[in-house]
Structure formats: C-alpha cells, structure tokens
Amino acid sequence: MKYMMFVCTDTEPETDESIVPDIFTWVAENDASGRRVAGNQLVSPSSATTVRVRGGEVLLSDGPFAETKEVIVGFDILECADLDEAIAVAAAHPMAYNGRLELRPYHG
C-alpha cells in the first residue's frame, strides 16, 4: 500500500538532539528496502503559489494557502505492507523528533 508522508515543522521539537536519527541513514535504509519510493525537500513556503479557479478565472496567490507556524518542508512516498509498517518507518524519521509527519494512504 502506498502512503504519502508529509514532512512538517513543529513548534515543539525534541530538545535532546543526541537521540535524533540521521536523515541520510534513514533515506539509505528505506531506499534500499524499497519502502521509500520517492521523496524530496521543498523550498521555503514563501516561494509557494496557490492556484484557484473561480468563475472561469485563474486566481493566483503568493505564498501558502494557510498561514501557520507549522509548514510542509518535504514529502516521501512510502510503499508499506500496512499502516503499522508506515508508522514504524515514520517514527524512525528524524522529523518525528523535530517536527511531525502526516501519513495518508493513496485513494483506491
């Protein structure tokens, strides 16, 4: 089953950096196992463009749709047997300590 994992910042990061896993190790292990299908960091939310169509007109806004302290900074697409495996993969990600990870299964 495929999951989109949104990698987000958080206002309450882990204070003990010594327990935070290494991102390069996490990527290498999950790429090698086939659990990480794709992923990347995103540039600053200030570079975002929000697109809407209303009344046949394309409306553009600079920046993210929502103004919040927490922002999406990256994503990973995971291929896992089930939600339990996806949770285990997410829990081993460094941003589980310094941010938050949102898992969403693919529809259908």
N, C-alpha and C. Protein backbone atom coordinates (compact mmCIF):
# COMPACT_ATOMS: atom_id res chain seq x y z
N MET A 1 0.85 -1.18 0.00
CA MET A 1 0.00 0.00 0.00
C MET A 1 0.89 1.23 0.00
N LYS A 2 0.51 2.22 -0.80
CA LYS A 2 1.29 3.45 -0.88
C LYS A 2 0.74 4.50 0.09
N TYR A 3 1.67 5.22 0.70
CA TYR A 3 1.35 6.32 1.61
C TYR A 3 2.12 7.56 1.21
N MET A 4 1.47 8.70 1.27
CA MET A 4 2.16 9.98 1.16
C MET A 4 2.50 10.38 2.58
N MET A 5 3.75 10.70 2.82
CA MET A 5 4.17 11.16 4.14
C MET A 5 4.59 12.61 4.01
N PHE A 6 3.78 13.50 4.58
CA PHE A 6 4.11 14.91 4.60
C PHE A 6 5.08 15.15 5.75
N VAL A 7 6.18 15.82 5.48
CA VAL A 7 7.19 16.14 6.49
C VAL A 7 6.98 17.60 6.86
N CYS A 8 6.64 17.84 8.12
CA CYS A 8 6.25 19.18 8.57
C CYS A 8 7.09 19.64 9.75
N THR A 9 7.22 20.95 9.87
CA THR A 9 7.88 21.51 11.04
C THR A 9 6.91 21.46 12.21
N ASP A 10 7.41 21.75 13.39
CA ASP A 10 6.58 21.75 14.59
C ASP A 10 7.14 22.81 15.53
N THR A 11 6.29 23.36 16.36
CA THR A 11 6.74 24.40 17.29
C THR A 11 7.36 23.82 18.56
N GLU A 12 7.31 22.51 18.73
CA GLU A 12 7.87 21.88 19.93
C GLU A 12 8.82 20.74 19.57
N PRO A 13 10.01 21.05 19.04
CA PRO A 13 10.94 20.00 18.66
C PRO A 13 11.56 19.31 19.86
N GLU A 14 12.11 18.13 19.62
CA GLU A 14 12.86 17.39 20.63
C GLU A 14 14.05 18.24 21.06
N THR A 15 14.30 18.33 22.34
CA THR A 15 15.41 19.15 22.82
C THR A 15 16.72 18.38 22.92
N ASP A 16 16.66 17.05 22.98
CA ASP A 16 17.86 16.23 23.06
C ASP A 16 18.26 15.77 21.66
N GLU A 17 19.09 16.55 20.99
CA GLU A 17 19.50 16.25 19.62
C GLU A 17 20.26 14.93 19.50
N SER A 18 20.83 14.44 20.61
CA SER A 18 21.63 13.22 20.55
C SER A 18 20.79 11.99 20.23
N ILE A 19 19.48 12.04 20.41
CA ILE A 19 18.63 10.87 20.14
C ILE A 19 17.97 10.93 18.76
N VAL A 20 18.19 12.02 18.04
CA VAL A 20 17.56 12.19 16.73
C VAL A 20 18.33 11.38 15.69
N PRO A 21 17.64 10.50 14.94
CA PRO A 21 18.32 9.69 13.92
C PRO A 21 18.90 10.55 12.79
N ASP A 22 19.85 9.99 12.07
CA ASP A 22 20.48 10.67 10.95
C ASP A 22 19.60 10.52 9.71
N ILE A 23 19.30 11.63 9.03
CA ILE A 23 18.43 11.60 7.86
C ILE A 23 19.04 10.80 6.72
N PHE A 24 20.35 10.89 6.53
CA PHE A 24 20.99 10.17 5.43
C PHE A 24 20.91 8.66 5.62
N THR A 25 21.02 8.21 6.87
CA THR A 25 20.87 6.79 7.18
C THR A 25 19.43 6.35 6.93
N TRP A 26 18.46 7.16 7.37
CA TRP A 26 17.04 6.84 7.17
C TRP A 26 16.74 6.71 5.68
N VAL A 27 17.20 7.66 4.88
CA VAL A 27 16.96 7.63 3.43
C VAL A 27 17.60 6.39 2.82
N ALA A 28 18.86 6.13 3.14
CA ALA A 28 19.58 4.99 2.56
C ALA A 28 18.90 3.66 2.90
N GLU A 29 18.51 3.48 4.15
CA GLU A 29 17.87 2.23 4.57
C GLU A 29 16.52 2.03 3.89
N ASN A 30 15.73 3.09 3.81
CA ASN A 30 14.39 2.96 3.24
C ASN A 30 14.42 2.92 1.71
N ASP A 31 15.41 3.54 1.08
CA ASP A 31 15.58 3.39 -0.37
C ASP A 31 16.00 1.96 -0.70
N ALA A 32 16.95 1.42 0.08
CA ALA A 32 17.46 0.07 -0.17
C ALA A 32 16.37 -0.99 0.01
N SER A 33 15.47 -0.77 0.96
CA SER A 33 14.42 -1.76 1.23
C SER A 33 13.24 -1.62 0.27
N GLY A 34 13.19 -0.52 -0.48
CA GLY A 34 12.07 -0.28 -1.37
C GLY A 34 10.86 0.36 -0.71
N ARG A 35 10.98 0.67 0.58
CA ARG A 35 9.86 1.32 1.28
C ARG A 35 9.71 2.78 0.90
N ARG A 36 10.80 3.43 0.53
CA ARG A 36 10.74 4.83 0.10
C ARG A 36 10.80 4.86 -1.42
N VAL A 37 9.67 5.20 -2.02
CA VAL A 37 9.56 5.22 -3.48
C VAL A 37 10.14 6.52 -4.04
N ALA A 38 9.86 7.63 -3.37
CA ALA A 38 10.35 8.94 -3.80
C ALA A 38 10.28 9.88 -2.61
N GLY A 39 10.97 10.99 -2.71
CA GLY A 39 10.91 11.99 -1.65
C GLY A 39 11.84 13.13 -1.95
N ASN A 40 11.54 14.27 -1.34
CA ASN A 40 12.41 15.42 -1.53
C ASN A 40 12.06 16.50 -0.53
N GLN A 41 13.00 17.42 -0.33
CA GLN A 41 12.75 18.61 0.46
C GLN A 41 12.06 19.63 -0.42
N LEU A 42 11.31 20.53 0.19
CA LEU A 42 10.68 21.62 -0.53
C LEU A 42 11.37 22.92 -0.16
N VAL A 43 11.35 23.89 -1.07
CA VAL A 43 11.92 25.20 -0.75
C VAL A 43 10.96 25.94 0.17
N SER A 44 11.36 27.10 0.62
CA SER A 44 10.61 27.90 1.59
C SER A 44 9.15 28.12 1.16
N PRO A 45 8.22 28.11 2.12
CA PRO A 45 6.82 28.39 1.80
C PRO A 45 6.61 29.75 1.14
N SER A 46 7.54 30.66 1.34
CA SER A 46 7.39 31.98 0.71
C SER A 46 7.46 31.90 -0.81
N SER A 47 7.99 30.80 -1.34
CA SER A 47 8.06 30.63 -2.80
C SER A 47 6.82 29.95 -3.37
N ALA A 48 5.87 29.58 -2.51
CA ALA A 48 4.67 28.88 -2.95
C ALA A 48 3.74 29.78 -3.76
N THR A 49 3.01 29.18 -4.65
CA THR A 49 1.95 29.85 -5.39
C THR A 49 0.69 29.03 -5.22
N THR A 50 -0.37 29.65 -4.75
CA THR A 50 -1.66 28.98 -4.58
C THR A 50 -2.51 29.28 -5.81
N VAL A 51 -3.09 28.24 -6.40
CA VAL A 51 -3.88 28.36 -7.63
C VAL A 51 -5.32 27.97 -7.34
N ARG A 52 -6.25 28.84 -7.76
CA ARG A 52 -7.68 28.55 -7.67
C ARG A 52 -8.34 29.00 -8.98
N VAL A 53 -9.45 28.37 -9.31
CA VAL A 53 -10.25 28.83 -10.44
C VAL A 53 -11.64 29.14 -9.91
N ARG A 54 -12.09 30.38 -10.12
CA ARG A 54 -13.42 30.82 -9.68
C ARG A 54 -14.05 31.58 -10.83
N GLY A 55 -15.27 31.18 -11.19
CA GLY A 55 -15.98 31.85 -12.27
C GLY A 55 -15.20 31.81 -13.58
N GLY A 56 -14.46 30.73 -13.80
CA GLY A 56 -13.68 30.59 -15.02
C GLY A 56 -12.38 31.37 -15.04
N GLU A 57 -12.08 32.08 -13.97
CA GLU A 57 -10.87 32.89 -13.90
C GLU A 57 -9.84 32.21 -13.00
N VAL A 58 -8.59 32.16 -13.46
CA VAL A 58 -7.50 31.61 -12.67
C VAL A 58 -7.04 32.68 -11.69
N LEU A 59 -7.09 32.35 -10.40
CA LEU A 59 -6.66 33.27 -9.34
C LEU A 59 -5.39 32.73 -8.71
N LEU A 60 -4.38 33.57 -8.61
CA LEU A 60 -3.09 33.18 -8.03
C LEU A 60 -2.82 33.99 -6.78
N SER A 61 -2.28 33.31 -5.78
CA SER A 61 -1.86 33.99 -4.55
C SER A 61 -0.42 33.59 -4.25
N ASP A 62 0.38 34.55 -3.82
CA ASP A 62 1.74 34.23 -3.40
C ASP A 62 1.70 33.59 -2.03
N GLY A 63 2.58 32.64 -1.82
CA GLY A 63 2.69 32.00 -0.51
C GLY A 63 1.74 30.85 -0.34
N PRO A 64 1.82 30.19 0.81
CA PRO A 64 0.97 29.02 1.06
C PRO A 64 -0.49 29.43 1.30
N PHE A 65 -1.37 28.47 1.15
CA PHE A 65 -2.80 28.70 1.33
C PHE A 65 -3.11 29.13 2.77
N ALA A 66 -2.53 28.42 3.73
CA ALA A 66 -2.81 28.71 5.14
C ALA A 66 -1.61 29.40 5.78
N GLU A 67 -1.88 30.34 6.64
CA GLU A 67 -0.80 30.96 7.41
C GLU A 67 -0.73 30.25 8.76
N THR A 68 0.37 29.58 8.98
CA THR A 68 0.56 28.80 10.19
C THR A 68 2.04 28.74 10.51
N LYS A 69 2.38 28.46 11.74
CA LYS A 69 3.78 28.32 12.12
C LYS A 69 4.35 27.00 11.62
N GLU A 70 3.50 25.97 11.53
CA GLU A 70 3.93 24.68 11.03
C GLU A 70 3.77 24.68 9.51
N VAL A 71 4.79 24.22 8.80
CA VAL A 71 4.74 24.18 7.35
C VAL A 71 5.24 22.84 6.83
N ILE A 72 4.79 22.47 5.64
CA ILE A 72 5.29 21.27 4.98
C ILE A 72 6.65 21.61 4.39
N VAL A 73 7.67 20.84 4.77
CA VAL A 73 9.03 21.10 4.29
C VAL A 73 9.54 20.01 3.35
N GLY A 74 8.75 18.96 3.20
CA GLY A 74 9.17 17.88 2.32
C GLY A 74 8.11 16.80 2.27
N PHE A 75 8.41 15.75 1.53
CA PHE A 75 7.47 14.65 1.40
C PHE A 75 8.25 13.38 1.07
N ASP A 76 7.63 12.26 1.35
CA ASP A 76 8.13 10.96 0.93
C ASP A 76 6.92 10.13 0.52
N ILE A 77 7.10 9.33 -0.50
CA ILE A 77 6.09 8.36 -0.88
C ILE A 77 6.60 7.01 -0.41
N LEU A 78 5.81 6.37 0.42
CA LEU A 78 6.20 5.10 1.03
C LEU A 78 5.39 3.96 0.44
N GLU A 79 6.02 2.82 0.30
CA GLU A 79 5.35 1.58 -0.10
C GLU A 79 5.50 0.63 1.07
N CYS A 80 4.41 0.42 1.79
CA CYS A 80 4.45 -0.40 3.01
C CYS A 80 3.34 -1.45 2.96
N ALA A 81 3.52 -2.51 3.72
CA ALA A 81 2.53 -3.58 3.75
C ALA A 81 1.22 -3.10 4.34
N ASP A 82 1.32 -2.21 5.34
CA ASP A 82 0.11 -1.73 6.02
C ASP A 82 0.45 -0.47 6.82
N LEU A 83 -0.56 0.07 7.48
CA LEU A 83 -0.36 1.30 8.27
C LEU A 83 0.66 1.10 9.38
N ASP A 84 0.67 -0.06 10.00
CA ASP A 84 1.63 -0.30 11.08
C ASP A 84 3.07 -0.16 10.59
N GLU A 85 3.36 -0.69 9.40
CA GLU A 85 4.71 -0.56 8.86
C GLU A 85 5.01 0.90 8.51
N ALA A 86 4.03 1.60 7.93
CA ALA A 86 4.22 3.02 7.60
C ALA A 86 4.49 3.84 8.86
N ILE A 87 3.81 3.54 9.94
CA ILE A 87 4.03 4.23 11.21
C ILE A 87 5.44 3.97 11.72
N ALA A 88 5.90 2.73 11.61
CA ALA A 88 7.26 2.40 12.06
C ALA A 88 8.30 3.15 11.23
N VAL A 89 8.08 3.24 9.92
CA VAL A 89 9.01 3.98 9.06
C VAL A 89 9.00 5.46 9.44
N ALA A 90 7.82 6.03 9.64
CA ALA A 90 7.71 7.44 10.01
C ALA A 90 8.34 7.71 11.38
N ALA A 91 8.14 6.82 12.31
CA ALA A 91 8.66 7.01 13.66
C ALA A 91 10.19 7.00 13.69
N ALA A 92 10.82 6.39 12.70
CA ALA A 92 12.28 6.35 12.63
C ALA A 92 12.86 7.56 11.88
N HIS A 93 12.00 8.40 11.31
CA HIS A 93 12.44 9.58 10.56
C HIS A 93 12.85 10.68 11.54
N PRO A 94 13.94 11.42 11.27
CA PRO A 94 14.38 12.48 12.17
C PRO A 94 13.31 13.54 12.45
N MET A 95 12.44 13.83 11.49
CA MET A 95 11.42 14.85 11.72
C MET A 95 10.31 14.36 12.65
N ALA A 96 10.29 13.09 12.98
CA ALA A 96 9.37 12.63 14.02
C ALA A 96 9.81 13.21 15.36
N TYR A 97 11.07 13.57 15.47
CA TYR A 97 11.63 14.15 16.69
C TYR A 97 11.59 15.68 16.67
N ASN A 98 11.81 16.27 15.51
CA ASN A 98 11.92 17.71 15.42
C ASN A 98 10.75 18.38 14.71
N GLY A 99 9.85 17.60 14.23
CA GLY A 99 8.69 18.12 13.51
C GLY A 99 7.52 17.19 13.69
N ARG A 100 6.82 16.97 12.61
CA ARG A 100 5.73 16.00 12.62
C ARG A 100 5.60 15.41 11.23
N LEU A 101 5.08 14.20 11.19
CA LEU A 101 4.88 13.50 9.93
C LEU A 101 3.42 13.12 9.81
N GLU A 102 2.84 13.40 8.67
CA GLU A 102 1.44 13.03 8.43
C GLU A 102 1.42 11.96 7.36
N LEU A 103 0.82 10.83 7.68
CA LEU A 103 0.70 9.73 6.73
C LEU A 103 -0.71 9.71 6.14
N ARG A 104 -0.78 9.59 4.83
CA ARG A 104 -2.08 9.44 4.16
C ARG A 104 -1.99 8.35 3.12
N PRO A 105 -2.87 7.34 3.22
CA PRO A 105 -2.86 6.30 2.20
C PRO A 105 -3.40 6.84 0.87
N TYR A 106 -2.92 6.25 -0.20
CA TYR A 106 -3.44 6.59 -1.53
C TYR A 106 -4.90 6.12 -1.61
N HIS A 107 -5.70 6.84 -2.33
CA HIS A 107 -7.10 6.51 -2.52
C HIS A 107 -7.21 5.35 -3.50
N GLY A 108 -8.10 4.41 -3.16
CA GLY A 108 -8.40 3.32 -4.11
C GLY A 108 -7.40 2.30 -4.12
